[in-house]
Amino acid sequence: MPAFAVGEGEGALLGALFPVEAANGPDPNNSYSKWLAGQPKRHVQE
């Protein structure tokens, strides 16, 4: 997939999506999802 612009103007960045094999990804035991699940529950009030 080609690169794409993220944002506009002088501060724009380039982004790209590319496949990563599971063996090269993060360890599931050290993932953000696991960390987040261990955090206290939060409630949004409007």
C-alpha atoms as a PDB file:
ATOM      1  CA  MET A   1       0.000   0.000   0.000  1.00  0.00           C
ATOM      2  CA  PRO A   2       1.375   3.435  -0.827  1.00  0.00           C
ATOM      3  CA  ALA A   3       2.042   6.072   1.814  1.00  0.00           C
ATOM      4  CA  PHE A   4      -0.732   8.535   2.636  1.00  0.00           C
ATOM      5  CA  ALA A   5      -0.902  11.992   4.171  1.00  0.00           C
ATOM      6  CA  VAL A   6      -1.892  12.372   7.815  1.00  0.00           C
ATOM      7  CA  GLY A   7      -2.948  15.956   8.416  1.00  0.00           C
ATOM      8  CA  GLU A   8      -2.611  18.952   6.162  1.00  0.00           C
ATOM      9  CA  GLY A   9      -0.125  21.679   5.431  1.00  0.00           C
ATOM     10  CA  GLU A  10       3.380  22.099   6.764  1.00  0.00           C
ATOM     11  CA  GLY A  11       2.793  19.855   9.800  1.00  0.00           C
ATOM     12  CA  ALA A  12       1.484  16.899   7.780  1.00  0.00           C
ATOM     13  CA  LEU A  13       3.011  13.472   8.280  1.00  0.00           C
ATOM     14  CA  LEU A  14       3.187  10.417   6.048  1.00  0.00           C
ATOM     15  CA  GLY A  15       1.660   7.151   7.144  1.00  0.00           C
ATOM     16  CA  ALA A  16       1.607   3.641   5.691  1.00  0.00           C
ATOM     17  CA  LEU A  17       0.017   0.313   6.523  1.00  0.00           C
ATOM     18  CA  PHE A  18       1.945  -2.900   6.117  1.00  0.00           C
ATOM     19  CA  PRO A  19       1.489  -6.484   7.294  1.00  0.00           C
ATOM     20  CA  VAL A  20       3.448  -7.792  10.273  1.00  0.00           C
ATOM     21  CA  GLU A  21       3.594 -11.524  10.881  1.00  0.00           C
ATOM     22  CA  ALA A  22       2.394 -12.593  14.323  1.00  0.00           C
ATOM     23  CA  ALA A  23       5.842 -13.953  15.201  1.00  0.00           C
ATOM     24  CA  ASN A  24       7.268 -10.434  14.767  1.00  0.00           C
ATOM     25  CA  GLY A  25       4.517  -8.677  16.730  1.00  0.00           C
ATOM     26  CA  PRO A  26       4.399  -7.773  20.411  1.00  0.00           C
ATOM     27  CA  ASP A  27       4.178 -10.488  23.049  1.00  0.00           C
ATOM     28  CA  PRO A  28       0.473 -10.844  24.004  1.00  0.00           C
ATOM     29  CA  ASN A  29       1.489 -11.144  27.674  1.00  0.00           C
ATOM     30  CA  ASN A  30       3.030  -7.668  27.477  1.00  0.00           C
ATOM     31  CA  SER A  31       0.311  -5.977  25.441  1.00  0.00           C
ATOM     32  CA  TYR A  32      -1.484  -2.678  25.953  1.00  0.00           C
ATOM     33  CA  SER A  33      -4.804  -4.530  26.126  1.00  0.00           C
ATOM     34  CA  LYS A  34      -3.600  -6.605  29.084  1.00  0.00           C
ATOM     35  CA  TRP A  35      -2.262  -3.511  30.838  1.00  0.00           C
ATOM     36  CA  LEU A  36      -5.493  -1.606  30.234  1.00  0.00           C
ATOM     37  CA  ALA A  37      -7.602  -4.491  31.556  1.00  0.00           C
ATOM     38  CA  GLY A  38      -5.659  -4.294  34.837  1.00  0.00           C
ATOM     39  CA  GLN A  39      -6.372  -0.578  35.344  1.00  0.00           C
ATOM     40  CA  PRO A  40      -9.183   0.693  37.585  1.00  0.00           C
ATOM     41  CA  LYS A  41     -12.494   1.169  35.815  1.00  0.00           C
ATOM     42  CA  ARG A  42     -13.258   4.734  34.763  1.00  0.00           C
ATOM     43  CA  HIS A  43     -16.600   6.403  34.256  1.00  0.00           C
ATOM     44  CA  VAL A  44     -17.266   9.296  31.902  1.00  0.00           C
ATOM     45  CA  GLN A  45     -19.648  11.949  33.151  1.00  0.00           C
ATOM     46  CA  GLU A  46     -21.184  14.479  30.812  1.00  0.00           C
END
